[in-house]
Amino acid sequence: MTKRRKLVLAVLLTGVCVVLAIPLSLLSECTGFAEGERYVHIYPHQTKTDVRHSLTELGVRRLFGFTLLDKTFGYKVRPGRYVVRRGENMLSLFRRLRNGQQEPVRLIIPSVRTMDRLAGFLSHHLMLDSLSTVESWADETYLAGFGLTPQTLPTLFIPNTYEVYWTTSLDELMRRMQRENDVFWSSDRRGKAHAMGMSREEVATLASIIDEETANNGEKPMVAGMYINRLHKDMPLQADPTVKFALGDFSLRRIYQKHLTIDSPYNTYRNTGLPPGPIRIASVAGIDAVLNYVRHDFLYMCAKEDFSGTHNFARTYSEHLQNARRYTKALNERNIQ
């Protein structure tokens, strides 16, 4: 074989090896991390270079394969949250990014005390800006489009787990929560609320007070019954958590007379009936406690002196004062201010 033929053959063999190596590289594992899966977040206005950089930081290798696939099929950056699984190849990862196949976020709506906190929580799990969210939620015109006010906004959210996309906008989230709210308020729940003469918003408002009064789900229907007795008698609810909400101070361990004078529609010592909206996002247990409240004749309650988180109930004010003295004595003994 002549030297020229040997050279041609070598070039051909090299070309064949290169051609064969390309698909093999695309089908070989491209992840460099040891186990599980990771997520890459691609933001609007990011470039292909930004995406490559994010993938590199995540531990993805063989990015020349990404470039080759981009040149062959074209890649338009699609914002989103994408999973990168250990052991997968560049071809499958590229397809997912190119087609915008996001991995859903399992969003657990928490029973938080303020909407500011919810906005902050959402900004950590979705591509939402907390400040913009807070501003929208303070806009009465914006909320009116969803049949809400700044006061009733917390009633929209039912603490549960929802699958949403990371790129979900605030409008999309609000509409999704409306649909989920309608599903939660089944005909059975709506029927019970109607029989009590209460709206969804009123049930959620009372539930939020009960959630603040006790973390004991077993006691919540009993507490609900006491407050409903007060509503029926047109008595002020006199719920300490509403005073804390009105003051904006949830750290208070004791409520003194000076606190009860605050001029606020949320102060249930000065105003009869329910406040204009929830004092937190009501829990499912709290809502169902109101709808399935225990029927009894108690009008008063006071935290137990054993600090168990439950309450002593009383039918008369004199009985209540006895319970209150025992609790106050326990607070003083522990030097709780």
C-alpha atoms as a PDB file:
ATOM      1  CA  MET A   1       0.000   0.000   0.000  1.00  0.00           C
ATOM      2  CA  THR A   2       1.393   3.336  -1.029  1.00  0.00           C
ATOM      3  CA  LYS A   3       2.089   6.085   1.497  1.00  0.00           C
ATOM      4  CA  ARG A   4      -0.648   8.230  -0.079  1.00  0.00           C
ATOM      5  CA  ARG A   5      -3.259   5.475   0.308  1.00  0.00           C
ATOM      6  CA  LYS A   6      -2.209   4.917   3.909  1.00  0.00           C
ATOM      7  CA  LEU A   7      -2.705   8.614   4.624  1.00  0.00           C
ATOM      8  CA  VAL A   8      -6.159   8.669   2.997  1.00  0.00           C
ATOM      9  CA  LEU A   9      -7.163   5.562   4.935  1.00  0.00           C
ATOM     10  CA  ALA A  10      -5.973   7.096   8.197  1.00  0.00           C
ATOM     11  CA  VAL A  11      -7.957  10.257   7.544  1.00  0.00           C
ATOM     12  CA  LEU A  12     -11.069   8.226   6.716  1.00  0.00           C
ATOM     13  CA  LEU A  13     -10.717   6.094   9.839  1.00  0.00           C
ATOM     14  CA  THR A  14     -10.248   9.202  11.964  1.00  0.00           C
ATOM     15  CA  GLY A  15     -13.369  10.724  10.442  1.00  0.00           C
ATOM     16  CA  VAL A  16     -15.344   7.573  11.103  1.00  0.00           C
ATOM     17  CA  CYS A  17     -14.177   7.537  14.735  1.00  0.00           C
ATOM     18  CA  VAL A  18     -15.145  11.171  15.158  1.00  0.00           C
ATOM     19  CA  VAL A  19     -18.578  10.560  13.607  1.00  0.00           C
ATOM     20  CA  LEU A  20     -19.129   7.540  15.848  1.00  0.00           C
ATOM     21  CA  ALA A  21     -17.839   9.378  18.928  1.00  0.00           C
ATOM     22  CA  ILE A  22     -20.314  12.218  18.602  1.00  0.00           C
ATOM     23  CA  PRO A  23     -23.513  10.159  19.150  1.00  0.00           C
ATOM     24  CA  LEU A  24     -21.755   8.113  21.822  1.00  0.00           C
ATOM     25  CA  SER A  25     -20.837  11.279  23.702  1.00  0.00           C
ATOM     26  CA  LEU A  26     -24.412  12.510  23.483  1.00  0.00           C
ATOM     27  CA  LEU A  27     -25.686   9.228  24.898  1.00  0.00           C
ATOM     28  CA  SER A  28     -23.088   8.937  27.664  1.00  0.00           C
ATOM     29  CA  GLU A  29     -23.719  10.108  31.211  1.00  0.00           C
ATOM     30  CA  CYS A  30     -23.251  13.863  31.487  1.00  0.00           C
ATOM     31  CA  THR A  31     -23.814  14.382  35.204  1.00  0.00           C
ATOM     32  CA  GLY A  32     -20.924  14.635  37.610  1.00  0.00           C
ATOM     33  CA  PHE A  33     -22.775  14.422  40.918  1.00  0.00           C
ATOM     34  CA  ALA A  34     -22.952  11.208  42.889  1.00  0.00           C
ATOM     35  CA  GLU A  35     -26.633  10.664  43.578  1.00  0.00           C
ATOM     36  CA  GLY A  36     -30.189  11.935  43.356  1.00  0.00           C
ATOM     37  CA  GLU A  37     -31.257  14.839  41.205  1.00  0.00           C
ATOM     38  CA  ARG A  38     -30.656  18.550  41.055  1.00  0.00           C
ATOM     39  CA  TYR A  39     -32.502  21.510  39.601  1.00  0.00           C
ATOM     40  CA  VAL A  40     -31.417  24.278  37.287  1.00  0.00           C
ATOM     41  CA  HIS A  41     -33.384  27.537  37.356  1.00  0.00           C
ATOM     42  CA  ILE A  42     -33.374  29.447  34.092  1.00  0.00           C
ATOM     43  CA  TYR A  43     -34.548  33.054  34.330  1.00  0.00           C
ATOM     44  CA  PRO A  44     -36.077  35.270  31.614  1.00  0.00           C
ATOM     45  CA  HIS A  45     -33.545  37.183  29.537  1.00  0.00           C
ATOM     46  CA  GLN A  46     -30.781  34.663  30.285  1.00  0.00           C
ATOM     47  CA  THR A  47     -28.589  33.701  27.338  1.00  0.00           C
ATOM     48  CA  LYS A  48     -27.368  30.313  26.146  1.00  0.00           C
ATOM     49  CA  THR A  49     -24.044  31.133  27.759  1.00  0.00           C
ATOM     50  CA  ASP A  50     -25.804  31.732  31.060  1.00  0.00           C
ATOM     51  CA  VAL A  51     -27.561  28.378  30.753  1.00  0.00           C
ATOM     52  CA  ARG A  52     -24.264  26.594  30.025  1.00  0.00           C
ATOM     53  CA  HIS A  53     -22.706  28.296  33.048  1.00  0.00           C
ATOM     54  CA  SER A  54     -25.605  27.234  35.294  1.00  0.00           C
ATOM     55  CA  LEU A  55     -25.330  23.650  34.077  1.00  0.00           C
ATOM     56  CA  THR A  56     -21.587  23.642  34.731  1.00  0.00           C
ATOM     57  CA  GLU A  57     -22.113  24.905  38.291  1.00  0.00           C
ATOM     58  CA  LEU A  58     -24.664  22.147  38.785  1.00  0.00           C
ATOM     59  CA  GLY A  59     -22.126  19.480  37.864  1.00  0.00           C
ATOM     60  CA  VAL A  60     -23.115  18.797  34.230  1.00  0.00           C
ATOM     61  CA  ARG A  61     -20.250  17.697  31.944  1.00  0.00           C
ATOM     62  CA  ARG A  62     -19.806  17.136  28.178  1.00  0.00           C
ATOM     63  CA  LEU A  63     -21.280  20.539  27.375  1.00  0.00           C
ATOM     64  CA  PHE A  64     -19.723  20.367  23.898  1.00  0.00           C
ATOM     65  CA  GLY A  65     -22.636  18.012  23.247  1.00  0.00           C
ATOM     66  CA  PHE A  66     -25.039  20.799  24.245  1.00  0.00           C
ATOM     67  CA  THR A  67     -23.350  23.124  21.756  1.00  0.00           C
ATOM     68  CA  LEU A  68     -23.499  20.492  19.012  1.00  0.00           C
ATOM     69  CA  LEU A  69     -27.203  19.834  19.594  1.00  0.00           C
ATOM     70  CA  ASP A  70     -27.871  23.566  19.613  1.00  0.00           C
ATOM     71  CA  LYS A  71     -26.170  23.964  16.242  1.00  0.00           C
ATOM     72  CA  THR A  72     -28.048  20.968  14.847  1.00  0.00           C
ATOM     73  CA  PHE A  73     -31.559  21.510  16.201  1.00  0.00           C
ATOM     74  CA  GLY A  74     -31.481  25.031  17.595  1.00  0.00           C
ATOM     75  CA  TYR A  75     -32.111  26.003  21.211  1.00  0.00           C
ATOM     76  CA  LYS A  76     -34.243  28.910  22.369  1.00  0.00           C
ATOM     77  CA  VAL A  77     -33.861  29.685  26.059  1.00  0.00           C
ATOM     78  CA  ARG A  78     -37.041  28.821  27.934  1.00  0.00           C
ATOM     79  CA  PRO A  79     -37.280  30.051  31.535  1.00  0.00           C
ATOM     80  CA  GLY A  80     -38.187  27.428  34.088  1.00  0.00           C
ATOM     81  CA  ARG A  81     -37.142  24.977  36.754  1.00  0.00           C
ATOM     82  CA  TYR A  82     -35.697  21.850  35.200  1.00  0.00           C
ATOM     83  CA  VAL A  83     -34.598  18.615  36.824  1.00  0.00           C
ATOM     84  CA  VAL A  84     -31.168  17.153  36.074  1.00  0.00           C
ATOM     85  CA  ARG A  85     -31.064  13.477  36.997  1.00  0.00           C
ATOM     86  CA  ARG A  86     -27.940  11.551  37.909  1.00  0.00           C
ATOM     87  CA  GLY A  87     -26.841   9.271  35.103  1.00  0.00           C
ATOM     88  CA  GLU A  88     -28.791  10.900  32.291  1.00  0.00           C
ATOM     89  CA  ASN A  89     -27.236  11.868  28.988  1.00  0.00           C
ATOM     90  CA  MET A  90     -26.959  15.200  27.225  1.00  0.00           C
ATOM     91  CA  LEU A  91     -29.516  14.305  24.583  1.00  0.00           C
ATOM     92  CA  SER A  92     -32.323  13.763  27.115  1.00  0.00           C
ATOM     93  CA  LEU A  93     -31.354  16.875  29.103  1.00  0.00           C
ATOM     94  CA  PHE A  94     -31.176  19.011  25.947  1.00  0.00           C
ATOM     95  CA  ARG A  95     -34.605  17.822  24.800  1.00  0.00           C
ATOM     96  CA  ARG A  96     -36.125  18.775  28.144  1.00  0.00           C
ATOM     97  CA  LEU A  97     -34.581  22.240  28.116  1.00  0.00           C
ATOM     98  CA  ARG A  98     -35.405  22.828  24.454  1.00  0.00           C
ATOM     99  CA  ASN A  99     -39.043  21.739  24.856  1.00  0.00           C
ATOM    100  CA  GLY A 100     -39.571  23.680  28.083  1.00  0.00           C
ATOM    101  CA  GLN A 101     -40.493  20.554  30.038  1.00  0.00           C
ATOM    102  CA  GLN A 102     -40.358  21.996  33.539  1.00  0.00           C
ATOM    103  CA  GLU A 103     -40.426  19.987  36.739  1.00  0.00           C
ATOM    104  CA  PRO A 104     -43.413  21.088  38.867  1.00  0.00           C
ATOM    105  CA  VAL A 105     -42.893  22.624  42.300  1.00  0.00           C
ATOM    106  CA  ARG A 106     -44.698  20.968  45.205  1.00  0.00           C
ATOM    107  CA  LEU A 107     -45.928  24.177  46.804  1.00  0.00           C
ATOM    108  CA  ILE A 108     -47.127  23.793  50.387  1.00  0.00           C
ATOM    109  CA  ILE A 109     -49.217  26.832  51.340  1.00  0.00           C
ATOM    110  CA  PRO A 110     -48.447  27.518  55.016  1.00  0.00           C
ATOM    111  CA  SER A 111     -50.814  28.823  57.683  1.00  0.00           C
ATOM    112  CA  VAL A 112     -48.827  32.035  58.227  1.00  0.00           C
ATOM    113  CA  ARG A 113     -49.878  35.062  60.264  1.00  0.00           C
ATOM    114  CA  THR A 114     -49.337  37.804  57.693  1.00  0.00           C
ATOM    115  CA  MET A 115     -49.544  38.134  53.944  1.00  0.00           C
ATOM    116  CA  ASP A 116     -46.061  39.679  53.956  1.00  0.00           C
ATOM    117  CA  ARG A 117     -44.753  36.364  55.224  1.00  0.00           C
ATOM    118  CA  LEU A 118     -46.675  34.471  52.573  1.00  0.00           C
ATOM    119  CA  ALA A 119     -45.224  36.758  49.878  1.00  0.00           C
ATOM    120  CA  GLY A 120     -41.737  36.026  51.179  1.00  0.00           C
ATOM    121  CA  PHE A 121     -42.442  32.309  51.255  1.00  0.00           C
ATOM    122  CA  LEU A 122     -43.702  32.333  47.668  1.00  0.00           C
ATOM    123  CA  SER A 123     -40.642  34.239  46.464  1.00  0.00           C
ATOM    124  CA  HIS A 124     -38.446  31.420  47.800  1.00  0.00           C
ATOM    125  CA  HIS A 125     -40.359  28.747  45.883  1.00  0.00           C
ATOM    126  CA  LEU A 126     -41.595  30.514  42.741  1.00  0.00           C
ATOM    127  CA  MET A 127     -40.233  33.105  40.335  1.00  0.00           C
ATOM    128  CA  LEU A 128     -42.162  35.842  42.135  1.00  0.00           C
ATOM    129  CA  ASP A 129     -40.807  39.057  43.600  1.00  0.00           C
ATOM    130  CA  SER A 130     -42.022  39.445  47.195  1.00  0.00           C
ATOM    131  CA  LEU A 131     -42.189  43.259  47.050  1.00  0.00           C
ATOM    132  CA  SER A 132     -44.258  43.244  43.839  1.00  0.00           C
ATOM    133  CA  THR A 133     -46.554  40.619  45.362  1.00  0.00           C
ATOM    134  CA  VAL A 134     -47.089  42.681  48.521  1.00  0.00           C
ATOM    135  CA  GLU A 135     -47.836  45.773  46.413  1.00  0.00           C
ATOM    136  CA  SER A 136     -50.405  43.873  44.327  1.00  0.00           C
ATOM    137  CA  TRP A 137     -52.063  42.488  47.442  1.00  0.00           C
ATOM    138  CA  ALA A 138     -52.383  46.002  48.863  1.00  0.00           C
ATOM    139  CA  ASP A 139     -54.084  47.200  45.651  1.00  0.00           C
ATOM    140  CA  GLU A 140     -57.846  47.143  46.196  1.00  0.00           C
ATOM    141  CA  THR A 141     -58.539  47.399  42.462  1.00  0.00           C
ATOM    142  CA  TYR A 142     -56.326  44.396  41.733  1.00  0.00           C
ATOM    143  CA  LEU A 143     -57.929  42.286  44.458  1.00  0.00           C
ATOM    144  CA  ALA A 144     -61.443  43.321  43.408  1.00  0.00           C
ATOM    145  CA  GLY A 145     -60.807  41.450  40.177  1.00  0.00           C
ATOM    146  CA  PHE A 146     -60.717  38.286  42.265  1.00  0.00           C
ATOM    147  CA  GLY A 147     -63.657  39.251  44.468  1.00  0.00           C
ATOM    148  CA  LEU A 148     -61.364  40.018  47.403  1.00  0.00           C
ATOM    149  CA  THR A 149     -60.239  42.886  49.620  1.00  0.00           C
ATOM    150  CA  PRO A 150     -56.936  43.287  51.480  1.00  0.00           C
ATOM    151  CA  GLN A 151     -58.813  42.139  54.593  1.00  0.00           C
ATOM    152  CA  THR A 152     -60.358  39.007  53.045  1.00  0.00           C
ATOM    153  CA  LEU A 153     -57.328  38.048  50.940  1.00  0.00           C
ATOM    154  CA  PRO A 154     -56.135  35.396  53.459  1.00  0.00           C
ATOM    155  CA  THR A 155     -59.409  33.479  52.949  1.00  0.00           C
ATOM    156  CA  LEU A 156     -58.336  32.662  49.384  1.00  0.00           C
ATOM    157  CA  PHE A 157     -55.521  30.368  50.497  1.00  0.00           C
ATOM    158  CA  ILE A 158     -56.227  26.872  51.798  1.00  0.00           C
ATOM    159  CA  PRO A 159     -53.141  25.313  53.426  1.00  0.00           C
ATOM    160  CA  ASN A 160     -52.416  22.289  51.278  1.00  0.00           C
ATOM    161  CA  THR A 161     -49.894  20.966  48.763  1.00  0.00           C
ATOM    162  CA  TYR A 162     -50.235  22.076  45.149  1.00  0.00           C
ATOM    163  CA  GLU A 163     -48.196  21.311  42.048  1.00  0.00           C
ATOM    164  CA  VAL A 164     -47.363  24.502  40.147  1.00  0.00           C
ATOM    165  CA  TYR A 165     -44.633  25.622  37.810  1.00  0.00           C
ATOM    166  CA  TRP A 166     -41.807  27.803  39.084  1.00  0.00           C
ATOM    167  CA  THR A 167     -42.601  30.380  36.381  1.00  0.00           C
ATOM    168  CA  THR A 168     -46.230  30.726  37.507  1.00  0.00           C
ATOM    169  CA  SER A 169     -47.194  34.400  37.579  1.00  0.00           C
ATOM    170  CA  LEU A 170     -49.085  36.002  40.468  1.00  0.00           C
ATOM    171  CA  ASP A 171     -52.246  36.253  38.348  1.00  0.00           C
ATOM    172  CA  GLU A 172     -51.991  32.563  37.456  1.00  0.00           C
ATOM    173  CA  LEU A 173     -51.420  31.622  41.088  1.00  0.00           C
ATOM    174  CA  MET A 174     -54.399  33.665  42.244  1.00  0.00           C
ATOM    175  CA  ARG A 175     -56.674  32.025  39.665  1.00  0.00           C
ATOM    176  CA  ARG A 176     -55.342  28.601  40.649  1.00  0.00           C
ATOM    177  CA  MET A 177     -56.044  29.318  44.309  1.00  0.00           C
ATOM    178  CA  GLN A 178     -59.576  30.369  43.395  1.00  0.00           C
ATOM    179  CA  ARG A 179     -60.170  27.031  41.705  1.00  0.00           C
ATOM    180  CA  GLU A 180     -58.658  25.137  44.625  1.00  0.00           C
ATOM    181  CA  ASN A 181     -60.751  27.168  47.060  1.00  0.00           C
ATOM    182  CA  ASP A 182     -63.918  26.230  45.172  1.00  0.00           C
ATOM    183  CA  VAL A 183     -62.928  22.557  45.301  1.00  0.00           C
ATOM    184  CA  PHE A 184     -62.216  22.748  49.036  1.00  0.00           C
ATOM    185  CA  TRP A 185     -65.559  24.384  49.721  1.00  0.00           C
ATOM    186  CA  SER A 186     -67.550  21.297  48.799  1.00  0.00           C
ATOM    187  CA  SER A 187     -71.331  21.188  48.905  1.00  0.00           C
ATOM    188  CA  ASP A 188     -71.071  19.663  52.383  1.00  0.00           C
ATOM    189  CA  ARG A 189     -68.919  22.492  53.751  1.00  0.00           C
ATOM    190  CA  ARG A 190     -71.002  25.148  51.992  1.00  0.00           C
ATOM    191  CA  GLY A 191     -74.166  23.592  53.400  1.00  0.00           C
ATOM    192  CA  LYS A 192     -72.850  23.659  56.958  1.00  0.00           C
ATOM    193  CA  ALA A 193     -71.752  27.277  56.632  1.00  0.00           C
ATOM    194  CA  HIS A 194     -75.154  28.251  55.205  1.00  0.00           C
ATOM    195  CA  ALA A 195     -76.943  26.494  58.074  1.00  0.00           C
ATOM    196  CA  MET A 196     -74.852  28.547  60.501  1.00  0.00           C
ATOM    197  CA  GLY A 197     -75.672  31.753  58.642  1.00  0.00           C
ATOM    198  CA  MET A 198     -72.008  32.352  57.835  1.00  0.00           C
ATOM    199  CA  SER A 199     -70.114  33.003  54.619  1.00  0.00           C
ATOM    200  CA  ARG A 200     -66.855  31.292  53.642  1.00  0.00           C
ATOM    201  CA  GLU A 201     -64.983  34.420  54.643  1.00  0.00           C
ATOM    202  CA  GLU A 202     -66.637  34.548  58.059  1.00  0.00           C
ATOM    203  CA  VAL A 203     -65.907  30.882  58.715  1.00  0.00           C
ATOM    204  CA  ALA A 204     -62.256  31.369  57.774  1.00  0.00           C
ATOM    205  CA  THR A 205     -62.038  34.497  59.949  1.00  0.00           C
ATOM    206  CA  LEU A 206     -63.352  32.699  63.028  1.00  0.00           C
ATOM    207  CA  ALA A 207     -61.144  29.701  62.224  1.00  0.00           C
ATOM    208  CA  SER A 208     -58.078  31.931  62.152  1.00  0.00           C
ATOM    209  CA  ILE A 209     -58.840  33.152  65.678  1.00  0.00           C
ATOM    210  CA  ILE A 210     -59.293  29.582  66.887  1.00  0.00           C
ATOM    211  CA  ASP A 211     -55.982  28.555  65.284  1.00  0.00           C
ATOM    212  CA  GLU A 212     -54.283  31.314  67.275  1.00  0.00           C
ATOM    213  CA  GLU A 213     -56.038  30.314  70.483  1.00  0.00           C
ATOM    214  CA  THR A 214     -54.993  26.665  70.413  1.00  0.00           C
ATOM    215  CA  ALA A 215     -52.754  24.328  68.454  1.00  0.00           C
ATOM    216  CA  ASN A 216     -54.720  21.379  69.840  1.00  0.00           C
ATOM    217  CA  ASN A 217     -56.904  20.281  66.928  1.00  0.00           C
ATOM    218  CA  GLY A 218     -59.018  18.132  69.244  1.00  0.00           C
ATOM    219  CA  GLU A 219     -60.015  21.182  71.291  1.00  0.00           C
ATOM    220  CA  LYS A 220     -60.748  23.485  68.355  1.00  0.00           C
ATOM    221  CA  PRO A 221     -64.431  22.472  67.885  1.00  0.00           C
ATOM    222  CA  MET A 222     -64.969  23.213  71.591  1.00  0.00           C
ATOM    223  CA  VAL A 223     -63.388  26.646  71.272  1.00  0.00           C
ATOM    224  CA  ALA A 224     -65.446  27.279  68.136  1.00  0.00           C
ATOM    225  CA  GLY A 225     -68.620  26.472  70.054  1.00  0.00           C
ATOM    226  CA  MET A 226     -67.748  29.025  72.733  1.00  0.00           C
ATOM    227  CA  TYR A 227     -67.163  31.804  70.219  1.00  0.00           C
ATOM    228  CA  ILE A 228     -70.328  30.960  68.313  1.00  0.00           C
ATOM    229  CA  ASN A 229     -72.271  31.181  71.593  1.00  0.00           C
ATOM    230  CA  ARG A 230     -70.848  34.672  72.057  1.00  0.00           C
ATOM    231  CA  LEU A 231     -71.777  35.679  68.510  1.00  0.00           C
ATOM    232  CA  HIS A 232     -75.332  34.470  69.033  1.00  0.00           C
ATOM    233  CA  LYS A 233     -75.592  36.556  72.222  1.00  0.00           C
ATOM    234  CA  ASP A 234     -74.034  39.601  70.521  1.00  0.00           C
ATOM    235  CA  MET A 235     -71.181  39.517  73.045  1.00  0.00           C
ATOM    236  CA  PRO A 236     -67.693  40.734  72.109  1.00  0.00           C
ATOM    237  CA  LEU A 237     -65.463  37.792  71.271  1.00  0.00           C
ATOM    238  CA  GLN A 238     -62.731  39.224  73.517  1.00  0.00           C
ATOM    239  CA  ALA A 239     -60.092  37.111  71.759  1.00  0.00           C
ATOM    240  CA  ASP A 240     -56.554  38.029  72.821  1.00  0.00           C
ATOM    241  CA  PRO A 241     -55.012  36.995  69.457  1.00  0.00           C
ATOM    242  CA  THR A 242     -57.032  39.712  67.689  1.00  0.00           C
ATOM    243  CA  VAL A 243     -55.438  42.308  69.966  1.00  0.00           C
ATOM    244  CA  LYS A 244     -51.972  41.002  69.120  1.00  0.00           C
ATOM    245  CA  PHE A 245     -52.881  41.243  65.433  1.00  0.00           C
ATOM    246  CA  ALA A 246     -54.179  44.786  65.859  1.00  0.00           C
ATOM    247  CA  LEU A 247     -50.963  45.761  67.643  1.00  0.00           C
ATOM    248  CA  GLY A 248     -48.828  43.928  65.099  1.00  0.00           C
ATOM    249  CA  ASP A 249     -46.959  42.235  67.957  1.00  0.00           C
ATOM    250  CA  PHE A 250     -47.242  38.446  67.989  1.00  0.00           C
ATOM    251  CA  SER A 251     -44.546  38.092  70.639  1.00  0.00           C
ATOM    252  CA  LEU A 252     -46.791  39.241  73.487  1.00  0.00           C
ATOM    253  CA  ARG A 253     -47.093  36.570  76.164  1.00  0.00           C
ATOM    254  CA  ARG A 254     -49.607  38.475  78.262  1.00  0.00           C
ATOM    255  CA  ILE A 255     -52.357  40.911  77.333  1.00  0.00           C
ATOM    256  CA  TYR A 256     -52.774  43.835  79.749  1.00  0.00           C
ATOM    257  CA  GLN A 257     -55.540  46.394  80.056  1.00  0.00           C
ATOM    258  CA  LYS A 258     -53.405  48.950  78.203  1.00  0.00           C
ATOM    259  CA  HIS A 259     -53.417  46.712  75.151  1.00  0.00           C
ATOM    260  CA  LEU A 260     -57.200  46.479  75.030  1.00  0.00           C
ATOM    261  CA  THR A 261     -57.708  50.144  74.204  1.00  0.00           C
ATOM    262  CA  ILE A 262     -56.196  50.030  70.719  1.00  0.00           C
ATOM    263  CA  ASP A 263     -58.562  51.530  68.164  1.00  0.00           C
ATOM    264  CA  SER A 264     -58.763  48.868  65.496  1.00  0.00           C
ATOM    265  CA  PRO A 265     -61.587  46.935  63.812  1.00  0.00           C
ATOM    266  CA  TYR A 266     -59.594  43.828  64.756  1.00  0.00           C
ATOM    267  CA  ASN A 267     -59.832  44.568  68.489  1.00  0.00           C
ATOM    268  CA  THR A 268     -62.596  42.194  69.562  1.00  0.00           C
ATOM    269  CA  TYR A 269     -62.645  43.696  73.054  1.00  0.00           C
ATOM    270  CA  ARG A 270     -63.916  47.006  71.679  1.00  0.00           C
ATOM    271  CA  ASN A 271     -66.017  45.649  68.808  1.00  0.00           C
ATOM    272  CA  THR A 272     -68.714  43.011  68.702  1.00  0.00           C
ATOM    273  CA  GLY A 273     -68.937  40.460  65.919  1.00  0.00           C
ATOM    274  CA  LEU A 274     -66.122  39.160  63.757  1.00  0.00           C
ATOM    275  CA  PRO A 275     -63.180  41.299  62.639  1.00  0.00           C
ATOM    276  CA  PRO A 276     -63.117  42.334  58.958  1.00  0.00           C
ATOM    277  CA  GLY A 277     -60.932  39.390  57.970  1.00  0.00           C
ATOM    278  CA  PRO A 278     -58.709  36.566  59.224  1.00  0.00           C
ATOM    279  CA  ILE A 279     -55.787  37.252  61.530  1.00  0.00           C
ATOM    280  CA  ARG A 280     -53.822  34.511  59.751  1.00  0.00           C
ATOM    281  CA  ILE A 281     -54.372  31.990  56.974  1.00  0.00           C
ATOM    282  CA  ALA A 282     -56.804  29.592  58.612  1.00  0.00           C
ATOM    283  CA  SER A 283     -55.885  25.916  58.808  1.00  0.00           C
ATOM    284  CA  VAL A 284     -58.114  23.184  57.410  1.00  0.00           C
ATOM    285  CA  ALA A 285     -58.525  21.888  60.968  1.00  0.00           C
ATOM    286  CA  GLY A 286     -59.622  25.349  62.104  1.00  0.00           C
ATOM    287  CA  ILE A 287     -62.175  25.734  59.298  1.00  0.00           C
ATOM    288  CA  ASP A 288     -63.625  22.277  59.905  1.00  0.00           C
ATOM    289  CA  ALA A 289     -63.724  22.983  63.656  1.00  0.00           C
ATOM    290  CA  VAL A 290     -66.024  25.940  62.996  1.00  0.00           C
ATOM    291  CA  LEU A 291     -68.213  23.956  60.612  1.00  0.00           C
ATOM    292  CA  ASN A 292     -68.428  21.074  63.098  1.00  0.00           C
ATOM    293  CA  TYR A 293     -68.388  23.060  66.334  1.00  0.00           C
ATOM    294  CA  VAL A 294     -69.387  21.444  69.640  1.00  0.00           C
ATOM    295  CA  ARG A 295     -72.777  22.629  70.889  1.00  0.00           C
ATOM    296  CA  HIS A 296     -72.537  23.582  74.561  1.00  0.00           C
ATOM    297  CA  ASP A 297     -73.403  26.524  76.825  1.00  0.00           C
ATOM    298  CA  PHE A 298     -69.925  27.797  77.719  1.00  0.00           C
ATOM    299  CA  LEU A 299     -69.284  31.527  77.223  1.00  0.00           C
ATOM    300  CA  TYR A 300     -65.778  31.918  78.628  1.00  0.00           C
ATOM    301  CA  MET A 301     -62.443  30.196  78.402  1.00  0.00           C
ATOM    302  CA  CYS A 302     -59.016  30.681  79.891  1.00  0.00           C
ATOM    303  CA  ALA A 303     -55.736  28.942  79.221  1.00  0.00           C
ATOM    304  CA  LYS A 304     -55.050  26.161  81.709  1.00  0.00           C
ATOM    305  CA  GLU A 305     -52.563  26.878  84.413  1.00  0.00           C
ATOM    306  CA  ASP A 306     -50.561  23.770  83.488  1.00  0.00           C
ATOM    307  CA  PHE A 307     -49.537  25.426  80.185  1.00  0.00           C
ATOM    308  CA  SER A 308     -50.740  22.393  78.259  1.00  0.00           C
ATOM    309  CA  GLY A 309     -52.055  24.611  75.481  1.00  0.00           C
ATOM    310  CA  THR A 310     -55.651  23.710  76.282  1.00  0.00           C
ATOM    311  CA  HIS A 311     -58.321  25.689  78.148  1.00  0.00           C
ATOM    312  CA  ASN A 312     -60.684  25.744  81.093  1.00  0.00           C
ATOM    313  CA  PHE A 313     -64.221  26.626  80.020  1.00  0.00           C
ATOM    314  CA  ALA A 314     -66.823  28.417  82.113  1.00  0.00           C
ATOM    315  CA  ARG A 315     -70.522  29.193  81.877  1.00  0.00           C
ATOM    316  CA  THR A 316     -70.509  32.216  84.179  1.00  0.00           C
ATOM    317  CA  TYR A 317     -68.200  35.169  84.589  1.00  0.00           C
ATOM    318  CA  SER A 318     -67.527  34.313  88.234  1.00  0.00           C
ATOM    319  CA  GLU A 319     -66.344  30.825  87.212  1.00  0.00           C
ATOM    320  CA  HIS A 320     -64.186  32.396  84.543  1.00  0.00           C
ATOM    321  CA  LEU A 321     -62.555  34.747  87.061  1.00  0.00           C
ATOM    322  CA  GLN A 322     -61.563  31.757  89.182  1.00  0.00           C
ATOM    323  CA  ASN A 323     -59.929  30.132  86.145  1.00  0.00           C
ATOM    324  CA  ALA A 324     -58.236  33.415  85.221  1.00  0.00           C
ATOM    325  CA  ARG A 325     -56.803  33.843  88.743  1.00  0.00           C
ATOM    326  CA  ARG A 326     -55.246  30.387  88.608  1.00  0.00           C
ATOM    327  CA  TYR A 327     -53.693  31.112  85.228  1.00  0.00           C
ATOM    328  CA  THR A 328     -52.420  34.545  86.302  1.00  0.00           C
ATOM    329  CA  LYS A 329     -50.865  32.979  89.394  1.00  0.00           C
ATOM    330  CA  ALA A 330     -49.070  30.420  87.200  1.00  0.00           C
ATOM    331  CA  LEU A 331     -47.787  33.203  84.913  1.00  0.00           C
ATOM    332  CA  ASN A 332     -46.471  35.186  87.866  1.00  0.00           C
ATOM    333  CA  GLU A 333     -44.781  32.132  89.355  1.00  0.00           C
ATOM    334  CA  ARG A 334     -42.921  31.637  86.093  1.00  0.00           C
ATOM    335  CA  ASN A 335     -42.193  35.344  85.804  1.00  0.00           C
ATOM    336  CA  ILE A 336     -43.858  35.514  82.390  1.00  0.00           C
ATOM    337  CA  GLN A 337     -44.461  39.141  81.470  1.00  0.00           C
END
